[in-house]
Amino acid sequence: MDFWIVGTPAPNNQSLHPPEILMRHKIEKEPDHIRAHKHSSKHRKELLASKKCGCFYCLSIYLPTEIKRWIKEGDGTALCPKCHIDSVIGSQSGFPITKAFLRKMHKHWFSIAK
């Protein structure tokens, strides 16, 4: 994706879009396992409204009522009840809470060889 400075003509008479539209376009094209990461912090209300939660570090799946420890900044960030890492997402995020999906997230966010 190319960006141009506002007020300068775009090459080949292409139309310019405000930066927020360009960023939204970029975000929507990212794979789900990358977009889901924004749901792994400051998410207390979202997790407590979820039917199930999962940790993309240890790949455990559990009920939100099993979460006992929170980092209390902002809306609260959950620590996984199994491994105590802050890598928890809930079903209310709109992303699947399955081993396969959590494994994709783990591979992206915790793999050494990227």
PDB file of N, CA and C in Angstrom:
ATOM      1  N   MET A   1       0.846  -1.163   0.000  1.00  0.00           N
ATOM      2  CA  MET A   1       0.000   0.000   0.000  1.00  0.00           C
ATOM      3  C   MET A   1       0.896   1.232   0.000  1.00  0.00           C
ATOM      4  N   ASP A   2       0.570   2.193  -0.836  1.00  0.00           N
ATOM      5  CA  ASP A   2       1.352   3.412  -0.920  1.00  0.00           C
ATOM      6  C   ASP A   2       0.662   4.534  -0.165  1.00  0.00           C
ATOM      7  N   PHE A   3       1.439   5.447   0.395  1.00  0.00           N
ATOM      8  CA  PHE A   3       0.918   6.606   1.086  1.00  0.00           C
ATOM      9  C   PHE A   3       1.473   7.856   0.438  1.00  0.00           C
ATOM     10  N   TRP A   4       0.657   8.909   0.350  1.00  0.00           N
ATOM     11  CA  TRP A   4       1.114  10.181  -0.185  1.00  0.00           C
ATOM     12  C   TRP A   4       0.871  11.268   0.833  1.00  0.00           C
ATOM     13  N   ILE A   5       1.660  12.319   0.772  1.00  0.00           N
ATOM     14  CA  ILE A   5       1.505  13.465   1.659  1.00  0.00           C
ATOM     15  C   ILE A   5       0.264  14.229   1.203  1.00  0.00           C
ATOM     16  N   VAL A   6      -0.586  14.598   2.168  1.00  0.00           N
ATOM     17  CA  VAL A   6      -1.800  15.341   1.851  1.00  0.00           C
ATOM     18  C   VAL A   6      -1.409  16.633   1.155  1.00  0.00           C
ATOM     19  N   GLY A   7      -2.120  16.964   0.079  1.00  0.00           N
ATOM     20  CA  GLY A   7      -1.855  18.191  -0.659  1.00  0.00           C
ATOM     21  C   GLY A   7      -0.951  17.987  -1.867  1.00  0.00           C
ATOM     22  N   THR A   8      -0.380  16.792  -1.995  1.00  0.00           N
ATOM     23  CA  THR A   8       0.441  16.515  -3.177  1.00  0.00           C
ATOM     24  C   THR A   8      -0.350  15.596  -4.095  1.00  0.00           C
ATOM     25  N   PRO A   9      -0.151  15.761  -5.393  1.00  0.00           N
ATOM     26  CA  PRO A   9      -0.927  14.899  -6.304  1.00  0.00           C
ATOM     27  C   PRO A   9      -0.479  13.444  -6.198  1.00  0.00           C
ATOM     28  N   ALA A  10      -1.439  12.548  -6.268  1.00  0.00           N
ATOM     29  CA  ALA A  10      -1.138  11.118  -6.269  1.00  0.00           C
ATOM     30  C   ALA A  10      -0.713  10.714  -7.668  1.00  0.00           C
ATOM     31  N   PRO A  11       0.236   9.807  -7.788  1.00  0.00           N
ATOM     32  CA  PRO A  11       0.651   9.371  -9.119  1.00  0.00           C
ATOM     33  C   PRO A  11      -0.490   8.687  -9.863  1.00  0.00           C
ATOM     34  N   ASN A  12      -0.495   8.827 -11.171  1.00  0.00           N
ATOM     35  CA  ASN A  12      -1.478   8.162 -12.051  1.00  0.00           C
ATOM     36  C   ASN A  12      -2.922   8.535 -11.732  1.00  0.00           C
ATOM     37  N   ASN A  13      -3.120   9.728 -11.217  1.00  0.00           N
ATOM     38  CA  ASN A  13      -4.476  10.215 -10.908  1.00  0.00           C
ATOM     39  C   ASN A  13      -5.249   9.294  -9.963  1.00  0.00           C
ATOM     40  N   GLN A  14      -4.562   8.589  -9.073  1.00  0.00           N
ATOM     41  CA  GLN A  14      -5.236   7.740  -8.094  1.00  0.00           C
ATOM     42  C   GLN A  14      -5.873   8.630  -7.038  1.00  0.00           C
ATOM     43  N   SER A  15      -7.009   8.202  -6.513  1.00  0.00           N
ATOM     44  CA  SER A  15      -7.667   9.001  -5.491  1.00  0.00           C
ATOM     45  C   SER A  15      -6.994   8.780  -4.142  1.00  0.00           C
ATOM     46  N   LEU A  16      -6.998   9.831  -3.336  1.00  0.00           N
ATOM     47  CA  LEU A  16      -6.416   9.750  -1.996  1.00  0.00           C
ATOM     48  C   LEU A  16      -7.524   9.491  -0.989  1.00  0.00           C
ATOM     49  N   HIS A  17      -7.198   8.762   0.049  1.00  0.00           N
ATOM     50  CA  HIS A  17      -8.154   8.472   1.109  1.00  0.00           C
ATOM     51  C   HIS A  17      -7.576   8.982   2.419  1.00  0.00           C
ATOM     52  N   PRO A  18      -8.437   9.390   3.355  1.00  0.00           N
ATOM     53  CA  PRO A  18      -7.931   9.796   4.669  1.00  0.00           C
ATOM     54  C   PRO A  18      -7.156   8.650   5.319  1.00  0.00           C
ATOM     55  N   PRO A  19      -6.157   8.964   6.149  1.00  0.00           N
ATOM     56  CA  PRO A  19      -5.328   7.917   6.777  1.00  0.00           C
ATOM     57  C   PRO A  19      -6.130   6.874   7.540  1.00  0.00           C
ATOM     58  N   GLU A  20      -7.246   7.279   8.180  1.00  0.00           N
ATOM     59  CA  GLU A  20      -8.007   6.294   8.954  1.00  0.00           C
ATOM     60  C   GLU A  20      -8.625   5.238   8.044  1.00  0.00           C
ATOM     61  N   ILE A  21      -8.984   5.606   6.811  1.00  0.00           N
ATOM     62  CA  ILE A  21      -9.516   4.625   5.868  1.00  0.00           C
ATOM     63  C   ILE A  21      -8.405   3.688   5.427  1.00  0.00           C
ATOM     64  N   LEU A  22      -7.224   4.236   5.164  1.00  0.00           N
ATOM     65  CA  LEU A  22      -6.098   3.399   4.754  1.00  0.00           C
ATOM     66  C   LEU A  22      -5.723   2.428   5.863  1.00  0.00           C
ATOM     67  N   MET A  23      -5.702   2.889   7.131  1.00  0.00           N
ATOM     68  CA  MET A  23      -5.359   2.011   8.247  1.00  0.00           C
ATOM     69  C   MET A  23      -6.426   0.935   8.418  1.00  0.00           C
ATOM     70  N   ARG A  24      -7.699   1.303   8.301  1.00  0.00           N
ATOM     71  CA  ARG A  24      -8.771   0.321   8.447  1.00  0.00           C
ATOM     72  C   ARG A  24      -8.628  -0.744   7.365  1.00  0.00           C
ATOM     73  N   HIS A  25      -8.309  -0.324   6.151  1.00  0.00           N
ATOM     74  CA  HIS A  25      -8.112  -1.261   5.051  1.00  0.00           C
ATOM     75  C   HIS A  25      -6.986  -2.242   5.384  1.00  0.00           C
ATOM     76  N   LYS A  26      -5.888  -1.741   5.925  1.00  0.00           N
ATOM     77  CA  LYS A  26      -4.750  -2.598   6.284  1.00  0.00           C
ATOM     78  C   LYS A  26      -5.146  -3.579   7.381  1.00  0.00           C
ATOM     79  N   ILE A  27      -5.837  -3.091   8.412  1.00  0.00           N
ATOM     80  CA  ILE A  27      -6.221  -3.933   9.538  1.00  0.00           C
ATOM     81  C   ILE A  27      -7.179  -5.030   9.083  1.00  0.00           C
ATOM     82  N   GLU A  28      -8.151  -4.688   8.227  1.00  0.00           N
ATOM     83  CA  GLU A  28      -9.119  -5.681   7.768  1.00  0.00           C
ATOM     84  C   GLU A  28      -8.470  -6.765   6.929  1.00  0.00           C
ATOM     85  N   LYS A  29      -7.333  -6.485   6.322  1.00  0.00           N
ATOM     86  CA  LYS A  29      -6.659  -7.487   5.503  1.00  0.00           C
ATOM     87  C   LYS A  29      -5.751  -8.390   6.330  1.00  0.00           C
ATOM     88  N   GLU A  30      -5.492  -8.039   7.577  1.00  0.00           N
ATOM     89  CA  GLU A  30      -4.655  -8.898   8.418  1.00  0.00           C
ATOM     90  C   GLU A  30      -5.417 -10.173   8.753  1.00  0.00           C
ATOM     91  N   PRO A  31      -4.704 -11.297   8.870  1.00  0.00           N
ATOM     92  CA  PRO A  31      -5.361 -12.560   9.236  1.00  0.00           C
ATOM     93  C   PRO A  31      -5.998 -12.474  10.638  1.00  0.00           C
ATOM     94  N   ASP A  32      -7.030 -13.279  10.838  1.00  0.00           N
ATOM     95  CA  ASP A  32      -7.740 -13.281  12.121  1.00  0.00           C
ATOM     96  C   ASP A  32      -6.817 -13.507  13.308  1.00  0.00           C
ATOM     97  N   HIS A  33      -5.844 -14.431  13.176  1.00  0.00           N
ATOM     98  CA  HIS A  33      -4.988 -14.742  14.329  1.00  0.00           C
ATOM     99  C   HIS A  33      -4.100 -13.548  14.717  1.00  0.00           C
ATOM    100  N   ILE A  34      -3.936 -12.588  13.836  1.00  0.00           N
ATOM    101  CA  ILE A  34      -3.193 -11.372  14.175  1.00  0.00           C
ATOM    102  C   ILE A  34      -4.154 -10.329  14.739  1.00  0.00           C
ATOM    103  N   ARG A  35      -5.324 -10.164  14.098  1.00  0.00           N
ATOM    104  CA  ARG A  35      -6.304  -9.185  14.577  1.00  0.00           C
ATOM    105  C   ARG A  35      -6.825  -9.538  15.967  1.00  0.00           C
ATOM    106  N   ALA A  36      -6.885 -10.809  16.295  1.00  0.00           N
ATOM    107  CA  ALA A  36      -7.411 -11.242  17.594  1.00  0.00           C
ATOM    108  C   ALA A  36      -6.547 -10.763  18.758  1.00  0.00           C
ATOM    109  N   HIS A  37      -5.284 -10.468  18.496  1.00  0.00           N
ATOM    110  CA  HIS A  37      -4.364 -10.088  19.570  1.00  0.00           C
ATOM    111  C   HIS A  37      -4.839  -8.862  20.348  1.00  0.00           C
ATOM    112  N   LYS A  38      -5.523  -7.937  19.682  1.00  0.00           N
ATOM    113  CA  LYS A  38      -5.987  -6.734  20.390  1.00  0.00           C
ATOM    114  C   LYS A  38      -7.017  -7.070  21.470  1.00  0.00           C
ATOM    115  N   HIS A  39      -7.550  -8.286  21.432  1.00  0.00           N
ATOM    116  CA  HIS A  39      -8.516  -8.724  22.446  1.00  0.00           C
ATOM    117  C   HIS A  39      -7.840  -9.432  23.619  1.00  0.00           C
ATOM    118  N   SER A  40      -6.507  -9.379  23.689  1.00  0.00           N
ATOM    119  CA  SER A  40      -5.787 -10.094  24.755  1.00  0.00           C
ATOM    120  C   SER A  40      -5.347  -9.174  25.888  1.00  0.00           C
ATOM    121  N   SER A  41      -5.829  -7.948  25.912  1.00  0.00           N
ATOM    122  CA  SER A  41      -5.504  -7.051  27.024  1.00  0.00           C
ATOM    123  C   SER A  41      -6.653  -6.075  27.257  1.00  0.00           C
ATOM    124  N   LYS A  42      -6.702  -5.559  28.475  1.00  0.00           N
ATOM    125  CA  LYS A  42      -7.763  -4.612  28.869  1.00  0.00           C
ATOM    126  C   LYS A  42      -9.125  -5.136  28.421  1.00  0.00           C
ATOM    127  N   HIS A  43      -9.450  -6.337  28.845  1.00  0.00           N
ATOM    128  CA  HIS A  43     -10.592  -7.071  28.303  1.00  0.00           C
ATOM    129  C   HIS A  43     -11.465  -7.744  29.353  1.00  0.00           C
ATOM    130  N   ARG A  44     -11.397  -7.285  30.581  1.00  0.00           N
ATOM    131  CA  ARG A  44     -12.150  -7.939  31.665  1.00  0.00           C
ATOM    132  C   ARG A  44     -13.631  -8.109  31.317  1.00  0.00           C
ATOM    133  N   LYS A  45     -14.295  -7.030  30.896  1.00  0.00           N
ATOM    134  CA  LYS A  45     -15.732  -7.116  30.582  1.00  0.00           C
ATOM    135  C   LYS A  45     -15.994  -8.096  29.442  1.00  0.00           C
ATOM    136  N   GLU A  46     -15.149  -8.061  28.420  1.00  0.00           N
ATOM    137  CA  GLU A  46     -15.323  -8.960  27.284  1.00  0.00           C
ATOM    138  C   GLU A  46     -15.155 -10.426  27.701  1.00  0.00           C
ATOM    139  N   LEU A  47     -14.145 -10.705  28.522  1.00  0.00           N
ATOM    140  CA  LEU A  47     -13.925 -12.087  28.963  1.00  0.00           C
ATOM    141  C   LEU A  47     -15.055 -12.580  29.854  1.00  0.00           C
ATOM    142  N   LEU A  48     -15.499 -11.736  30.771  1.00  0.00           N
ATOM    143  CA  LEU A  48     -16.559 -12.166  31.683  1.00  0.00           C
ATOM    144  C   LEU A  48     -17.891 -12.380  30.956  1.00  0.00           C
ATOM    145  N   ALA A  49     -18.047 -11.762  29.778  1.00  0.00           N
ATOM    146  CA  ALA A  49     -19.251 -11.970  28.960  1.00  0.00           C
ATOM    147  C   ALA A  49     -19.091 -13.158  28.009  1.00  0.00           C
ATOM    148  N   SER A  50     -17.917 -13.763  27.969  1.00  0.00           N
ATOM    149  CA  SER A  50     -17.632 -14.871  27.057  1.00  0.00           C
ATOM    150  C   SER A  50     -18.133 -16.204  27.611  1.00  0.00           C
ATOM    151  N   LYS A  51     -18.428 -17.126  26.720  1.00  0.00           N
ATOM    152  CA  LYS A  51     -18.819 -18.484  27.127  1.00  0.00           C
ATOM    153  C   LYS A  51     -17.587 -19.324  27.455  1.00  0.00           C
ATOM    154  N   LYS A  52     -16.477 -19.060  26.745  1.00  0.00           N
ATOM    155  CA  LYS A  52     -15.222 -19.751  27.041  1.00  0.00           C
ATOM    156  C   LYS A  52     -14.059 -18.845  26.678  1.00  0.00           C
ATOM    157  N   CYS A  53     -12.908 -19.150  27.257  1.00  0.00           N
ATOM    158  CA  CYS A  53     -11.682 -18.392  27.035  1.00  0.00           C
ATOM    159  C   CYS A  53     -10.576 -19.364  26.670  1.00  0.00           C
ATOM    160  N   GLY A  54      -9.523 -18.831  26.073  1.00  0.00           N
ATOM    161  CA  GLY A  54      -8.381 -19.668  25.738  1.00  0.00           C
ATOM    162  C   GLY A  54      -7.093 -18.883  25.822  1.00  0.00           C
ATOM    163  N   CYS A  55      -6.031 -19.586  26.124  1.00  0.00           N
ATOM    164  CA  CYS A  55      -4.701 -18.989  26.221  1.00  0.00           C
ATOM    165  C   CYS A  55      -3.898 -19.382  24.996  1.00  0.00           C
ATOM    166  N   PHE A  56      -3.391 -18.377  24.279  1.00  0.00           N
ATOM    167  CA  PHE A  56      -2.603 -18.703  23.092  1.00  0.00           C
ATOM    168  C   PHE A  56      -1.125 -18.885  23.418  1.00  0.00           C
ATOM    169  N   TYR A  57      -0.806 -18.967  24.711  1.00  0.00           N
ATOM    170  CA  TYR A  57       0.545 -19.368  25.107  1.00  0.00           C
ATOM    171  C   TYR A  57       0.568 -20.867  25.404  1.00  0.00           C
ATOM    172  N   CYS A  58      -0.287 -21.313  26.332  1.00  0.00           N
ATOM    173  CA  CYS A  58      -0.276 -22.738  26.716  1.00  0.00           C
ATOM    174  C   CYS A  58      -1.368 -23.554  26.013  1.00  0.00           C
ATOM    175  N   LEU A  59      -2.247 -22.882  25.249  1.00  0.00           N
ATOM    176  CA  LEU A  59      -3.309 -23.505  24.452  1.00  0.00           C
ATOM    177  C   LEU A  59      -4.434 -24.127  25.290  1.00  0.00           C
ATOM    178  N   SER A  60      -4.549 -23.707  26.541  1.00  0.00           N
ATOM    179  CA  SER A  60      -5.636 -24.194  27.401  1.00  0.00           C
ATOM    180  C   SER A  60      -6.934 -23.467  27.062  1.00  0.00           C
ATOM    181  N   ILE A  61      -8.045 -24.168  27.216  1.00  0.00           N
ATOM    182  CA  ILE A  61      -9.375 -23.599  27.021  1.00  0.00           C
ATOM    183  C   ILE A  61     -10.160 -23.841  28.301  1.00  0.00           C
ATOM    184  N   TYR A  62     -10.865 -22.805  28.784  1.00  0.00           N
ATOM    185  CA  TYR A  62     -11.532 -22.881  30.081  1.00  0.00           C
ATOM    186  C   TYR A  62     -12.659 -21.858  30.159  1.00  0.00           C
ATOM    187  N   LEU A  63     -13.429 -21.944  31.226  1.00  0.00           N
ATOM    188  CA  LEU A  63     -14.506 -20.986  31.486  1.00  0.00           C
ATOM    189  C   LEU A  63     -13.924 -19.686  32.042  1.00  0.00           C
ATOM    190  N   PRO A  64     -14.561 -18.561  31.764  1.00  0.00           N
ATOM    191  CA  PRO A  64     -14.054 -17.291  32.291  1.00  0.00           C
ATOM    192  C   PRO A  64     -14.044 -17.247  33.826  1.00  0.00           C
ATOM    193  N   THR A  65     -14.905 -18.027  34.459  1.00  0.00           N
ATOM    194  CA  THR A  65     -14.949 -18.040  35.925  1.00  0.00           C
ATOM    195  C   THR A  65     -13.687 -18.661  36.531  1.00  0.00           C
ATOM    196  N   GLU A  66     -12.897 -19.360  35.723  1.00  0.00           N
ATOM    197  CA  GLU A  66     -11.650 -19.944  36.217  1.00  0.00           C
ATOM    198  C   GLU A  66     -10.529 -18.909  36.324  1.00  0.00           C
ATOM    199  N   ILE A  67     -10.710 -17.743  35.702  1.00  0.00           N
ATOM    200  CA  ILE A  67      -9.687 -16.687  35.769  1.00  0.00           C
ATOM    201  C   ILE A  67      -9.764 -16.037  37.149  1.00  0.00           C
ATOM    202  N   LYS A  68      -8.676 -16.076  37.878  1.00  0.00           N
ATOM    203  CA  LYS A  68      -8.632 -15.522  39.231  1.00  0.00           C
ATOM    204  C   LYS A  68      -7.674 -14.339  39.362  1.00  0.00           C
ATOM    205  N   ARG A  69      -6.706 -14.244  38.433  1.00  0.00           N
ATOM    206  CA  ARG A  69      -5.700 -13.185  38.539  1.00  0.00           C
ATOM    207  C   ARG A  69      -5.797 -12.237  37.342  1.00  0.00           C
ATOM    208  N   TRP A  70      -5.748 -10.941  37.653  1.00  0.00           N
ATOM    209  CA  TRP A  70      -5.862  -9.901  36.644  1.00  0.00           C
ATOM    210  C   TRP A  70      -4.768  -8.863  36.859  1.00  0.00           C
ATOM    211  N   ILE A  71      -4.265  -8.337  35.762  1.00  0.00           N
ATOM    212  CA  ILE A  71      -3.419  -7.145  35.832  1.00  0.00           C
ATOM    213  C   ILE A  71      -4.411  -5.993  35.808  1.00  0.00           C
ATOM    214  N   LYS A  72      -4.386  -5.139  36.795  1.00  0.00           N
ATOM    215  CA  LYS A  72      -5.468  -4.179  36.973  1.00  0.00           C
ATOM    216  C   LYS A  72      -5.280  -2.839  36.263  1.00  0.00           C
ATOM    217  N   GLU A  73      -4.551  -2.805  35.177  1.00  0.00           N
ATOM    218  CA  GLU A  73      -4.446  -1.568  34.419  1.00  0.00           C
ATOM    219  C   GLU A  73      -5.634  -1.457  33.466  1.00  0.00           C
ATOM    220  N   GLY A  74      -6.191  -0.267  33.354  1.00  0.00           N
ATOM    221  CA  GLY A  74      -7.331  -0.076  32.454  1.00  0.00           C
ATOM    222  C   GLY A  74      -8.497  -0.958  32.829  1.00  0.00           C
ATOM    223  N   ASP A  75      -9.016  -1.690  31.888  1.00  0.00           N
ATOM    224  CA  ASP A  75     -10.179  -2.552  32.082  1.00  0.00           C
ATOM    225  C   ASP A  75      -9.798  -3.902  32.675  1.00  0.00           C
ATOM    226  N   GLY A  76      -8.520  -4.123  32.938  1.00  0.00           N
ATOM    227  CA  GLY A  76      -8.069  -5.388  33.505  1.00  0.00           C
ATOM    228  C   GLY A  76      -7.667  -6.385  32.442  1.00  0.00           C
ATOM    229  N   THR A  77      -6.499  -6.964  32.587  1.00  0.00           N
ATOM    230  CA  THR A  77      -5.980  -7.964  31.664  1.00  0.00           C
ATOM    231  C   THR A  77      -5.844  -9.280  32.418  1.00  0.00           C
ATOM    232  N   ALA A  78      -6.435 -10.325  31.871  1.00  0.00           N
ATOM    233  CA  ALA A  78      -6.446 -11.628  32.540  1.00  0.00           C
ATOM    234  C   ALA A  78      -5.099 -12.318  32.448  1.00  0.00           C
ATOM    235  N   LEU A  79      -4.781 -13.047  33.516  1.00  0.00           N
ATOM    236  CA  LEU A  79      -3.652 -13.979  33.498  1.00  0.00           C
ATOM    237  C   LEU A  79      -4.252 -15.374  33.403  1.00  0.00           C
ATOM    238  N   CYS A  80      -3.726 -16.180  32.513  1.00  0.00           N
ATOM    239  CA  CYS A  80      -4.221 -17.537  32.315  1.00  0.00           C
ATOM    240  C   CYS A  80      -4.164 -18.308  33.635  1.00  0.00           C
ATOM    241  N   PRO A  81      -5.252 -18.992  34.014  1.00  0.00           N
ATOM    242  CA  PRO A  81      -5.245 -19.753  35.263  1.00  0.00           C
ATOM    243  C   PRO A  81      -4.344 -20.994  35.212  1.00  0.00           C
ATOM    244  N   LYS A  82      -3.920 -21.381  34.033  1.00  0.00           N
ATOM    245  CA  LYS A  82      -3.070 -22.571  33.892  1.00  0.00           C
ATOM    246  C   LYS A  82      -1.585 -22.219  33.874  1.00  0.00           C
ATOM    247  N   CYS A  83      -1.197 -21.197  33.074  1.00  0.00           N
ATOM    248  CA  CYS A  83       0.234 -20.875  32.920  1.00  0.00           C
ATOM    249  C   CYS A  83       0.610 -19.490  33.458  1.00  0.00           C
ATOM    250  N   HIS A  84      -0.386 -18.682  33.830  1.00  0.00           N
ATOM    251  CA  HIS A  84      -0.181 -17.353  34.429  1.00  0.00           C
ATOM    252  C   HIS A  84       0.433 -16.334  33.470  1.00  0.00           C
ATOM    253  N   ILE A  85       0.249 -16.536  32.154  1.00  0.00           N
ATOM    254  CA  ILE A  85       0.717 -15.596  31.138  1.00  0.00           C
ATOM    255  C   ILE A  85      -0.487 -14.770  30.674  1.00  0.00           C
ATOM    256  N   ASP A  86      -0.251 -13.530  30.306  1.00  0.00           N
ATOM    257  CA  ASP A  86      -1.339 -12.634  29.878  1.00  0.00           C
ATOM    258  C   ASP A  86      -1.627 -12.782  28.377  1.00  0.00           C
ATOM    259  N   SER A  87      -2.033 -13.966  27.978  1.00  0.00           N
ATOM    260  CA  SER A  87      -2.297 -14.275  26.567  1.00  0.00           C
ATOM    261  C   SER A  87      -3.666 -14.921  26.401  1.00  0.00           C
ATOM    262  N   VAL A  88      -4.670 -14.314  26.999  1.00  0.00           N
ATOM    263  CA  VAL A  88      -6.016 -14.881  27.038  1.00  0.00           C
ATOM    264  C   VAL A  88      -6.946 -14.097  26.125  1.00  0.00           C
ATOM    265  N   ILE A  89      -7.748 -14.811  25.350  1.00  0.00           N
ATOM    266  CA  ILE A  89      -8.835 -14.187  24.592  1.00  0.00           C
ATOM    267  C   ILE A  89     -10.117 -14.951  24.896  1.00  0.00           C
ATOM    268  N   GLY A  90     -11.255 -14.289  24.706  1.00  0.00           N
ATOM    269  CA  GLY A  90     -12.543 -14.913  24.982  1.00  0.00           C
ATOM    270  C   GLY A  90     -13.407 -15.020  23.748  1.00  0.00           C
ATOM    271  N   SER A  91     -14.428 -15.849  23.837  1.00  0.00           N
ATOM    272  CA  SER A  91     -15.318 -16.071  22.696  1.00  0.00           C
ATOM    273  C   SER A  91     -16.090 -14.806  22.321  1.00  0.00           C
ATOM    274  N   GLN A  92     -16.279 -13.898  23.257  1.00  0.00           N
ATOM    275  CA  GLN A  92     -16.987 -12.648  22.987  1.00  0.00           C
ATOM    276  C   GLN A  92     -16.192 -11.753  22.026  1.00  0.00           C
ATOM    277  N   SER A  93     -14.929 -12.076  21.806  1.00  0.00           N
ATOM    278  CA  SER A  93     -14.098 -11.322  20.855  1.00  0.00           C
ATOM    279  C   SER A  93     -14.567 -11.532  19.420  1.00  0.00           C
ATOM    280  N   GLY A  94     -15.298 -12.630  19.187  1.00  0.00           N
ATOM    281  CA  GLY A  94     -15.754 -12.941  17.848  1.00  0.00           C
ATOM    282  C   GLY A  94     -14.820 -13.894  17.107  1.00  0.00           C
ATOM    283  N   PHE A  95     -13.724 -14.254  17.751  1.00  0.00           N
ATOM    284  CA  PHE A  95     -12.771 -15.186  17.148  1.00  0.00           C
ATOM    285  C   PHE A  95     -12.970 -16.569  17.764  1.00  0.00           C
ATOM    286  N   PRO A  96     -12.664 -17.631  17.026  1.00  0.00           N
ATOM    287  CA  PRO A  96     -12.887 -18.986  17.559  1.00  0.00           C
ATOM    288  C   PRO A  96     -11.921 -19.314  18.697  1.00  0.00           C
ATOM    289  N   ILE A  97     -12.444 -19.909  19.723  1.00  0.00           N
ATOM    290  CA  ILE A  97     -11.606 -20.357  20.844  1.00  0.00           C
ATOM    291  C   ILE A  97     -11.433 -21.864  20.672  1.00  0.00           C
ATOM    292  N   THR A  98     -10.493 -22.210  19.808  1.00  0.00           N
ATOM    293  CA  THR A  98     -10.190 -23.610  19.513  1.00  0.00           C
ATOM    294  C   THR A  98      -8.680 -23.805  19.611  1.00  0.00           C
ATOM    295  N   LYS A  99      -8.272 -25.037  19.810  1.00  0.00           N
ATOM    296  CA  LYS A  99      -6.823 -25.335  19.865  1.00  0.00           C
ATOM    297  C   LYS A  99      -6.136 -24.893  18.574  1.00  0.00           C
ATOM    298  N   ALA A 100      -6.784 -25.134  17.434  1.00  0.00           N
ATOM    299  CA  ALA A 100      -6.181 -24.785  16.143  1.00  0.00           C
ATOM    300  C   ALA A 100      -5.962 -23.280  16.025  1.00  0.00           C
ATOM    301  N   PHE A 101      -6.962 -22.485  16.426  1.00  0.00           N
ATOM    302  CA  PHE A 101      -6.828 -21.027  16.332  1.00  0.00           C
ATOM    303  C   PHE A 101      -5.796 -20.512  17.328  1.00  0.00           C
ATOM    304  N   LEU A 102      -5.837 -21.017  18.551  1.00  0.00           N
ATOM    305  CA  LEU A 102      -4.855 -20.610  19.562  1.00  0.00           C
ATOM    306  C   LEU A 102      -3.440 -20.989  19.128  1.00  0.00           C
ATOM    307  N   ARG A 103      -3.303 -22.126  18.476  1.00  0.00           N
ATOM    308  CA  ARG A 103      -1.993 -22.568  17.981  1.00  0.00           C
ATOM    309  C   ARG A 103      -1.463 -21.599  16.915  1.00  0.00           C
ATOM    310  N   LYS A 104      -2.351 -21.119  16.023  1.00  0.00           N
ATOM    311  CA  LYS A 104      -1.939 -20.126  15.018  1.00  0.00           C
ATOM    312  C   LYS A 104      -1.462 -18.851  15.698  1.00  0.00           C
ATOM    313  N   MET A 105      -2.194 -18.418  16.725  1.00  0.00           N
ATOM    314  CA  MET A 105      -1.787 -17.214  17.453  1.00  0.00           C
ATOM    315  C   MET A 105      -0.437 -17.441  18.138  1.00  0.00           C
ATOM    316  N   HIS A 106      -0.290 -18.602  18.771  1.00  0.00           N
ATOM    317  CA  HIS A 106       0.962 -18.914  19.459  1.00  0.00           C
ATOM    318  C   HIS A 106       2.131 -18.882  18.482  1.00  0.00           C
ATOM    319  N   LYS A 107       1.943 -19.506  17.345  1.00  0.00           N
ATOM    320  CA  LYS A 107       3.015 -19.559  16.351  1.00  0.00           C
ATOM    321  C   LYS A 107       3.426 -18.154  15.913  1.00  0.00           C
ATOM    322  N   HIS A 108       2.439 -17.278  15.727  1.00  0.00           N
ATOM    323  CA  HIS A 108       2.755 -15.916  15.282  1.00  0.00           C
ATOM    324  C   HIS A 108       3.393 -15.078  16.393  1.00  0.00           C
ATOM    325  N   TRP A 109       2.818 -15.113  17.585  1.00  0.00           N
ATOM    326  CA  TRP A 109       3.238 -14.197  18.646  1.00  0.00           C
ATOM    327  C   TRP A 109       4.374 -14.713  19.499  1.00  0.00           C
ATOM    328  N   PHE A 110       4.603 -16.031  19.534  1.00  0.00           N
ATOM    329  CA  PHE A 110       5.644 -16.571  20.403  1.00  0.00           C
ATOM    330  C   PHE A 110       6.740 -17.351  19.683  1.00  0.00           C
ATOM    331  N   SER A 111       6.614 -17.531  18.392  1.00  0.00           N
ATOM    332  CA  SER A 111       7.626 -18.258  17.648  1.00  0.00           C
ATOM    333  C   SER A 111       8.909 -17.416  17.541  1.00  0.00           C
ATOM    334  N   ILE A 112      10.036 -18.029  17.753  1.00  0.00           N
ATOM    335  CA  ILE A 112      11.330 -17.334  17.664  1.00  0.00           C
ATOM    336  C   ILE A 112      11.656 -17.028  16.209  1.00  0.00           C
ATOM    337  N   ALA A 113      11.408 -17.975  15.337  1.00  0.00           N
ATOM    338  CA  ALA A 113      11.710 -17.787  13.912  1.00  0.00           C
ATOM    339  C   ALA A 113      10.508 -17.213  13.198  1.00  0.00           C
ATOM    340  N   LYS A 114      10.500 -15.896  13.024  1.00  0.00           N
ATOM    341  CA  LYS A 114       9.380 -15.235  12.330  1.00  0.00           C
ATOM    342  C   LYS A 114       9.785 -14.871  10.939  1.00  0.00           C
TER     343      LYS A 114
END
